[in-house]
Amino acid sequence: MEIINATPHPVDIVDSEQKIIRSFPPSGILPRLVENSSDLDPLDGIPITSKSFGEIQNLPEEREEVYYIVSALVFNAAPDRHDLLVPNVVRDSQGKIVGASGFSRIAKKVFNLRRTSCSI
């Protein structure tokens, strides 16, 4: 099994005392969502834009036993990909991210098919 960090920064897994127990360096693979924006009317003199996100770019195809650590945006844009991991963020008392306690992934869909009968 291989876990590839597809974010631009190291992802550190920390224990309950916030000590690093494993680190995943950036791989250079950077999936991103296509960003679309348009200008809106300013708010109190501050520029405002409308932003939406489109398709995912630079995300490798799924491979057996290979998992990719990705941003929450990419993770949420690919609900059918079961090889994507998003860090479970751990913050210190000042709110600064110090690492992750582990990862979350999208659960595989399980269908419960029940046999039903109808009479006409």
Protein backbone atom coordinates (compact mmCIF):
# COMPACT_ATOMS: atom_id res chain seq x y z
CA MET A 1 0.00 0.00 0.00
CA GLU A 2 1.19 3.50 -0.83
CA ILE A 3 0.00 6.89 0.48
CA ILE A 4 0.94 9.84 -1.72
CA ASN A 5 0.70 13.42 -0.47
CA ALA A 6 -0.96 15.39 -3.27
CA THR A 7 -0.91 18.70 -1.37
CA PRO A 8 1.77 21.43 -1.59
CA HIS A 9 2.85 21.05 2.05
CA PRO A 10 3.99 18.23 4.37
CA VAL A 11 1.21 16.36 6.17
CA ASP A 12 2.24 15.25 9.67
CA ILE A 13 0.34 12.63 11.65
CA VAL A 14 0.49 13.44 15.35
CA ASP A 15 -0.30 11.43 18.47
CA SER A 16 -2.47 12.56 21.39
CA GLU A 17 0.44 14.66 22.72
CA GLN A 18 0.83 16.36 19.31
CA LYS A 19 4.16 14.64 18.62
CA ILE A 20 4.80 13.76 14.97
CA ILE A 21 4.63 10.00 14.45
CA ARG A 22 4.63 9.99 10.64
CA SER A 23 5.20 12.59 7.96
CA PHE A 24 4.17 12.64 4.30
CA PRO A 25 6.23 15.06 2.18
CA PRO A 26 4.65 16.74 -0.87
CA SER A 27 4.92 14.54 -3.96
CA GLY A 28 4.67 17.28 -6.57
CA ILE A 29 1.25 15.96 -7.66
CA LEU A 30 -1.16 18.89 -7.20
CA PRO A 31 -4.78 18.24 -8.13
CA ARG A 32 -6.83 21.41 -8.29
CA LEU A 33 -10.36 22.42 -9.16
CA VAL A 34 -10.91 24.74 -12.11
CA GLU A 35 -11.88 28.10 -10.61
CA ASN A 36 -14.44 30.40 -12.19
CA SER A 37 -15.02 33.89 -10.86
CA SER A 38 -16.79 37.07 -11.83
CA ASP A 39 -16.81 40.50 -10.27
CA LEU A 40 -19.73 41.59 -8.12
CA ASP A 41 -20.54 44.99 -6.69
CA PRO A 42 -18.05 46.09 -4.03
CA LEU A 43 -19.03 45.92 -0.35
CA ASP A 44 -18.04 49.04 1.53
CA GLY A 45 -15.34 49.71 -1.07
CA ILE A 46 -13.96 46.15 -0.91
CA PRO A 47 -13.89 44.14 -4.17
CA ILE A 48 -16.20 41.09 -4.11
CA THR A 49 -16.27 38.23 -6.59
CA SER A 50 -18.59 35.30 -7.18
CA LYS A 51 -16.57 32.08 -7.23
CA SER A 52 -17.45 28.56 -8.31
CA PHE A 53 -15.39 25.45 -8.80
CA GLY A 54 -15.46 23.11 -11.77
CA GLU A 55 -13.73 19.91 -12.76
CA ILE A 56 -10.68 18.44 -11.07
CA GLN A 57 -7.36 18.78 -12.89
CA ASN A 58 -4.13 16.83 -12.30
CA LEU A 59 -5.70 14.01 -10.26
CA PRO A 60 -4.16 10.65 -11.21
CA GLU A 61 -6.40 7.73 -12.09
CA GLU A 62 -7.26 5.30 -9.30
CA ARG A 63 -4.75 2.48 -8.80
CA GLU A 64 -4.99 -0.59 -6.62
CA GLU A 65 -3.57 0.00 -3.11
CA VAL A 66 -2.60 3.65 -3.82
CA TYR A 67 -4.16 6.48 -1.80
CA TYR A 68 -3.82 10.24 -2.32
CA ILE A 69 -3.89 12.88 0.42
CA VAL A 70 -5.81 15.82 -1.07
CA SER A 71 -7.42 19.11 -0.06
CA ALA A 72 -10.97 19.13 1.27
CA LEU A 73 -12.12 20.86 -1.94
CA VAL A 74 -10.76 18.08 -4.14
CA PHE A 75 -12.01 15.42 -1.71
CA ASN A 76 -15.57 16.80 -1.78
CA ALA A 77 -15.55 17.23 -5.57
CA ALA A 78 -14.87 13.53 -6.14
CA PRO A 79 -17.49 11.56 -4.15
CA ASP A 80 -16.99 8.44 -6.29
CA ARG A 81 -13.25 8.22 -5.60
CA HIS A 82 -12.47 5.91 -2.71
CA ASP A 83 -8.71 6.40 -2.92
CA LEU A 84 -8.73 10.00 -1.64
CA LEU A 85 -7.80 10.93 1.92
CA VAL A 86 -8.30 14.23 3.70
CA PRO A 87 -6.39 15.00 6.94
CA ASN A 88 -8.29 15.10 10.25
CA VAL A 89 -6.76 18.39 11.39
CA VAL A 90 -5.36 18.84 14.92
CA ARG A 91 -4.93 22.40 16.24
CA ASP A 92 -3.01 23.74 19.20
CA SER A 93 -4.55 25.99 21.88
CA GLN A 94 -4.02 29.07 19.65
CA GLY A 95 -5.85 27.43 16.73
CA LYS A 96 -2.71 26.77 14.67
CA ILE A 97 -2.69 23.51 12.71
CA VAL A 98 -0.05 21.20 14.19
CA GLY A 99 -0.81 18.09 12.19
CA ALA A 100 -3.50 15.47 11.66
CA SER A 101 -4.77 12.71 13.89
CA GLY A 102 -5.38 10.54 10.83
CA PHE A 103 -7.36 10.68 7.61
CA SER A 104 -10.97 10.52 6.46
CA ARG A 105 -12.11 8.92 3.24
CA ILE A 106 -15.40 8.54 1.46
CA ALA A 107 -17.12 5.33 2.45
CA LYS A 108 -17.92 2.91 -0.32
CA LYS A 109 -21.62 2.77 -1.05
CA VAL A 110 -23.33 -0.38 0.13
CA PHE A 111 -26.67 -1.21 -1.35
CA ASN A 112 -29.23 -3.30 0.51
CA LEU A 113 -31.33 -4.93 -2.15
CA ARG A 114 -34.43 -6.63 -0.83
CA ARG A 115 -36.53 -8.90 -2.92
CA THR A 116 -40.12 -7.73 -3.07
CA SER A 117 -43.08 -9.34 -4.74
CA CYS A 118 -46.22 -7.80 -6.12
CA SER A 119 -49.52 -9.33 -7.07
CA ILE A 120 -51.74 -7.88 -9.73
